[in-house]
Structure formats: C-alpha cells, structure tokens
Amino acid sequence: MRGIIGLIPLVDDARESLWMLPGYMEGISAAGGLPVMLPLEADDDALDRLCGLCDGFLLTGGHDVSPEFYGQERLPACGATSPARDRMEDGVLRRAMAADKPVLGICRGLQFINAALGGTLWQDLPTQRPTDVCHRQRPPYDAPAHAVDLLPDAPLAALTGAESLQVNSYHHQAVRDLAAPLRPMALSVDGLVEAAWHPGQRFLWAVQWHPEFSWRSDPAARAIFRAFVDACNARP
C-alpha cells in the first residue's frame, strides 16, 4: 500500500488561503507515496488524529521561521512569518518523532526542524553572513545554483554514492547553530549546513535545496523522495 504522506500547507496571507506547489505532490507520487495537503491546524485533538492517519510528513518551504520560536529578537531583514504554521509544524514534528514516523524537511523545513530541536538560524544571509555563493537563484528553479559537499559517513552520501552534488537554491535564512540532536549531511562551499539528519529517528532528514523543482531532471532529488517514501511505506 502507498503510504499516506501529510504535506504542511503553504500559506498565502494576502489571499487568506492555503496552497501547494505541484512539485511536492508530484515528486512524492512518482516515488510511490500518496500525498495529502493538511489543514493549518494546531488543535491537539485534531493533530493527534491527523498524525495517526499519516504514515509520514513533508515539511515544505514557505514563510520565514519566527525568530521568537528560537529565542532571538526579530531583525529588520527577517521576512514574513506565520506563527500559526510554526505552531502546527511544532505539533506535527513532535508527534511524528514520538511515533518514529518519517519526516522530510525542505528549505524552511530544514530551518524549522533545526529551530524546533534547539538550534538557531541566520535570519538573513545577505546582511548577517554575506557570501559569493548563490543561495537565492533566479528562474529556472530546477537549474543547479551551487555545489554541496556530502559528509562521507552520513546517509545522503550512502544514498547517492557521491562526494558532492550540484543543487538548486532559493533561501535567505539558513542554519546557524545546528541543533544538538541533528548531524550534518551536506555543507555548501561557504560552510553552511545544507542537509541534516537525526540518527535517533527511523527517518528524519532535511535539505536546504529544492527537490520539488528538480526531481524530474535530477537523480539525487528523485533518490531523496524515494528514500523518504520507502521509509513511509515500510510501516513498522
């Protein structure tokens, strides 16, 4: 049976709506999963029910993580945040980890997982940590923007059989201090953590780049979706 994978919704404040990029759903479906966009819900009973129904969770991109969530004052360059989404994701992540259900974070997903587990973020790379590496590319978003080096003892290197990857990139926040439970899987050439995992969980991975844009053309992006979906389908 195809595992049911709950996707955290993207939030459009101006239109007062929730939405989803097709690439998240298509990438999950192509890997053999059944993606479902979740409601923006933080009620404990509702989250218990949702987390019981889903076999895994994809934490998507979107708003900046609220600095208050990781104990910092908001800087002027911090972008729009969604406290409602922060609350929901926190509830989903903690329930998923307690049940040892697979979680994949993408872009904001990496940042949120890191913050939720005790790490900190750069609120704005251009003003706080300027670099020549292109972390916020222009379209087309499926094109590579920069390289990342894979750590040899981490599962992403084992999955891909590679020492480095060319990845797309569209973010202005990033991991600053990696949360203690997490381990890095990939680093950009300017030293940012570009992927991380939790060795104490069955599958808790997160990447800073965007396989939802590149999975059709990039074997590594497809492999990441496949590894996640396989973990969701392999119900313990």
Protein backbone atom coordinates (compact mmCIF):
# COMPACT_ATOMS: atom_id res chain seq x y z
CA MET A 1 0.00 0.00 0.00
CA ARG A 2 1.13 3.54 -0.74
CA GLY A 3 1.91 5.40 2.44
CA ILE A 4 -0.20 8.48 3.21
CA ILE A 5 2.16 11.45 3.50
CA GLY A 6 0.90 14.65 5.09
CA LEU A 7 2.24 17.84 3.50
CA ILE A 8 2.36 21.04 5.53
CA PRO A 9 0.42 23.68 3.57
CA LEU A 10 1.90 26.84 2.15
CA VAL A 11 0.19 29.99 3.41
CA ASP A 12 -0.84 32.96 1.25
CA ASP A 13 -1.56 35.77 3.67
CA ALA A 14 -2.75 38.23 1.01
CA ARG A 15 -5.36 35.81 -0.35
CA GLU A 16 -6.11 34.30 3.06
CA SER A 17 -5.59 30.88 1.53
CA LEU A 18 -3.63 27.65 1.79
CA TRP A 19 -1.96 26.17 -1.28
CA MET A 20 0.59 23.66 -2.52
CA LEU A 21 3.29 23.58 -5.20
CA PRO A 22 2.60 20.67 -7.57
CA GLY A 23 6.24 19.54 -7.42
CA TYR A 24 5.90 18.39 -3.81
CA MET A 25 2.91 16.20 -4.64
CA GLU A 26 4.24 15.00 -7.99
CA GLY A 27 7.64 14.10 -6.55
CA ILE A 28 6.03 12.13 -3.72
CA SER A 29 3.56 10.42 -6.06
CA ALA A 30 6.30 9.47 -8.54
CA ALA A 31 8.24 7.90 -5.65
CA GLY A 32 5.25 5.74 -4.70
CA GLY A 33 3.61 7.75 -1.94
CA LEU A 34 0.11 9.20 -1.54
CA PRO A 35 0.49 12.93 -0.74
CA VAL A 36 -2.24 14.82 1.13
CA MET A 37 -2.14 18.53 1.94
CA LEU A 38 -3.01 19.01 5.61
CA PRO A 39 -5.16 21.79 7.06
CA LEU A 40 -3.44 24.54 9.03
CA GLU A 41 -4.43 23.11 12.38
CA ALA A 42 -2.88 23.33 15.84
CA ASP A 43 -5.68 21.85 17.97
CA ASP A 44 -4.24 18.96 19.97
CA ASP A 45 -7.08 16.54 19.26
CA ALA A 46 -7.03 17.34 15.54
CA LEU A 47 -3.25 16.93 15.36
CA ASP A 48 -3.47 13.61 17.18
CA ARG A 49 -5.99 12.40 14.59
CA LEU A 50 -4.01 13.71 11.61
CA CYS A 51 -0.76 12.25 12.85
CA GLY A 52 -2.46 8.93 13.44
CA LEU A 53 -3.77 8.87 9.87
CA CYS A 54 -0.47 9.74 8.14
CA ASP A 55 2.50 7.44 7.64
CA GLY A 56 4.96 10.33 7.27
CA PHE A 57 5.23 14.09 6.90
CA LEU A 58 6.82 16.52 4.46
CA LEU A 59 7.71 19.93 5.91
CA THR A 60 7.60 22.24 2.92
CA GLY A 61 9.17 25.62 2.15
CA GLY A 62 7.45 28.95 2.71
CA HIS A 63 7.46 31.68 5.36
CA ASP A 64 10.49 32.53 7.48
CA VAL A 65 10.57 30.78 10.84
CA SER A 66 9.56 33.24 13.57
CA PRO A 67 12.74 34.34 15.42
CA GLU A 68 10.83 34.22 18.69
CA PHE A 69 10.49 30.48 18.13
CA TYR A 70 14.25 30.03 18.56
CA GLY A 71 14.81 32.74 21.17
CA GLN A 72 16.01 35.68 19.06
CA GLU A 73 14.75 39.20 18.54
CA ARG A 74 13.42 39.89 15.06
CA LEU A 75 15.85 41.76 12.79
CA PRO A 76 14.63 44.24 10.15
CA ALA A 77 15.73 41.90 7.33
CA CYS A 78 13.68 38.98 8.63
CA GLY A 79 10.86 38.20 6.21
CA ALA A 80 7.19 37.48 6.75
CA THR A 81 6.43 34.77 9.29
CA SER A 82 3.44 32.56 10.06
CA PRO A 83 3.10 31.88 13.80
CA ALA A 84 0.09 29.65 13.08
CA ARG A 85 2.23 27.50 10.81
CA ASP A 86 5.06 27.43 13.37
CA ARG A 87 2.61 26.12 15.99
CA MET A 88 1.19 23.48 13.69
CA GLU A 89 4.57 22.25 12.48
CA ASP A 90 5.84 22.04 16.03
CA GLY A 91 2.91 19.83 16.97
CA VAL A 92 3.29 17.65 13.88
CA LEU A 93 7.05 17.26 14.30
CA ARG A 94 6.86 16.30 17.96
CA ARG A 95 4.10 13.76 17.34
CA ALA A 96 5.93 12.30 14.36
CA MET A 97 9.14 11.93 16.35
CA ALA A 98 7.32 10.38 19.31
CA ALA A 99 5.79 7.80 16.96
CA ASP A 100 9.06 7.44 14.97
CA LYS A 101 7.26 8.32 11.73
CA PRO A 102 9.39 9.52 8.79
CA VAL A 103 9.84 13.25 8.26
CA LEU A 104 11.43 15.08 5.34
CA GLY A 105 12.11 18.81 5.56
CA ILE A 106 12.72 21.01 2.52
CA CYS A 107 14.17 24.55 2.72
CA ARG A 108 12.12 26.11 5.53
CA GLY A 109 11.61 22.51 6.66
CA LEU A 110 15.31 22.19 7.49
CA GLN A 111 15.29 25.55 9.23
CA PHE A 112 12.17 24.73 11.23
CA ILE A 113 13.37 21.29 12.33
CA ASN A 114 16.65 22.81 13.44
CA ALA A 115 14.91 25.58 15.42
CA ALA A 116 12.36 23.19 16.95
CA LEU A 117 15.12 20.91 18.22
CA GLY A 118 17.11 23.71 19.84
CA GLY A 119 19.23 25.19 17.03
CA THR A 120 19.35 28.76 15.74
CA LEU A 121 19.10 30.42 12.33
CA TRP A 122 20.64 33.18 10.33
CA GLN A 123 17.64 35.46 9.87
CA ASP A 124 19.06 36.97 6.67
CA LEU A 125 22.20 35.74 4.97
CA PRO A 126 22.89 38.86 2.85
CA THR A 127 23.04 41.14 5.91
CA GLN A 128 24.33 38.72 8.57
CA ARG A 129 26.58 36.37 6.61
CA PRO A 130 27.30 37.69 3.11
CA THR A 131 28.89 35.28 0.64
CA ASP A 132 29.67 34.91 -3.04
CA VAL A 133 27.74 31.63 -3.20
CA CYS A 134 24.35 31.96 -4.91
CA HIS A 135 21.83 30.94 -2.25
CA ARG A 136 18.89 32.76 -3.87
CA GLN A 137 18.86 31.96 -7.55
CA ARG A 138 16.71 33.31 -10.35
CA PRO A 139 14.46 31.10 -12.50
CA PRO A 140 14.58 28.42 -13.75
CA TYR A 141 14.47 26.95 -10.27
CA ASP A 142 15.33 23.42 -11.38
CA ALA A 143 18.79 24.52 -12.53
CA PRO A 144 21.82 23.98 -10.26
CA ALA A 145 22.97 27.07 -8.36
CA HIS A 146 25.96 25.81 -6.36
CA ALA A 147 27.71 22.70 -5.08
CA VAL A 148 27.38 20.97 -1.73
CA ASP A 149 29.90 18.55 -0.25
CA LEU A 150 28.43 15.36 1.23
CA LEU A 151 29.78 14.09 4.52
CA PRO A 152 31.10 10.57 3.87
CA ASP A 153 29.60 8.90 6.96
CA ALA A 154 26.11 10.39 6.54
CA PRO A 155 23.17 8.61 4.87
CA LEU A 156 22.84 11.05 1.97
CA ALA A 157 26.30 10.11 0.71
CA ALA A 158 25.41 6.44 1.03
CA LEU A 159 22.14 7.00 -0.85
CA THR A 160 23.68 8.87 -3.78
CA GLY A 161 27.14 7.30 -3.87
CA ALA A 162 28.51 10.81 -4.46
CA GLU A 163 31.02 13.08 -2.73
CA SER A 164 29.26 16.26 -3.86
CA LEU A 165 26.05 17.40 -5.53
CA GLN A 166 25.03 20.38 -7.64
CA VAL A 167 21.85 21.78 -6.08
CA ASN A 168 19.30 24.48 -6.73
CA SER A 169 18.87 27.12 -4.04
CA TYR A 170 16.30 29.72 -3.03
CA HIS A 171 16.56 30.93 0.56
CA HIS A 172 17.75 33.88 2.62
CA GLN A 173 17.62 32.16 6.03
CA ALA A 174 19.81 29.21 7.00
CA VAL A 175 21.02 27.04 9.84
CA ARG A 176 23.33 28.98 12.14
CA ASP A 177 23.88 26.65 15.14
CA LEU A 178 22.90 23.09 14.35
CA ALA A 179 20.59 21.55 16.96
CA ALA A 180 22.33 19.05 19.23
CA PRO A 181 20.27 16.00 18.16
CA LEU A 182 21.00 16.61 14.46
CA ARG A 183 24.04 15.69 12.39
CA PRO A 184 25.10 17.40 9.15
CA MET A 185 24.85 15.54 5.85
CA ALA A 186 25.96 18.26 3.40
CA LEU A 187 27.81 21.57 3.53
CA SER A 188 27.96 24.37 0.98
CA VAL A 189 31.39 25.60 -0.06
CA ASP A 190 30.92 28.63 2.21
CA GLY A 191 30.31 26.39 5.21
CA LEU A 192 26.53 26.43 5.65
CA VAL A 193 24.73 23.25 6.70
CA GLU A 194 22.75 22.29 3.60
CA ALA A 195 21.35 18.97 4.83
CA ALA A 196 20.97 17.29 8.21
CA TRP A 197 19.56 14.12 9.76
CA HIS A 198 18.60 12.75 13.17
CA PRO A 199 20.43 9.49 13.93
CA GLY A 200 17.96 8.61 16.67
CA GLN A 201 14.94 8.53 14.33
CA ARG A 202 13.99 5.95 11.73
CA PHE A 203 13.97 8.67 9.05
CA LEU A 204 14.31 12.37 9.82
CA TRP A 205 16.14 14.13 7.00
CA ALA A 206 16.08 17.73 5.82
CA VAL A 207 17.68 19.56 2.89
CA GLN A 208 18.09 23.25 2.19
CA TRP A 209 17.66 22.90 -1.57
CA HIS A 210 14.50 22.16 -3.58
CA PRO A 211 13.94 18.63 -4.92
CA GLU A 212 10.31 19.60 -5.61
CA PHE A 213 11.61 21.72 -8.50
CA SER A 214 14.40 19.42 -9.71
CA TRP A 215 13.17 15.84 -9.24
CA ARG A 216 12.31 15.34 -12.91
CA SER A 217 15.85 16.11 -14.07
CA ASP A 218 18.00 15.33 -11.02
CA PRO A 219 18.58 11.68 -9.99
CA ALA A 220 19.69 12.75 -6.49
CA ALA A 221 16.44 14.65 -5.93
CA ARG A 222 14.43 11.61 -7.03
CA ALA A 223 16.51 9.41 -4.74
CA ILE A 224 15.73 11.63 -1.74
CA PHE A 225 12.00 11.43 -2.41
CA ARG A 226 12.26 7.68 -2.95
CA ALA A 227 14.17 7.10 0.31
CA PHE A 228 11.59 9.13 2.23
CA VAL A 229 8.60 7.43 0.62
CA ASP A 230 10.14 3.98 1.07
CA ALA A 231 10.51 4.74 4.80
CA CYS A 232 6.85 5.84 4.93
CA ASN A 233 5.68 2.73 3.07
CA ALA A 234 7.68 0.44 5.36
CA ARG A 235 5.32 0.75 8.32
CA PRO A 236 6.97 -0.73 11.45
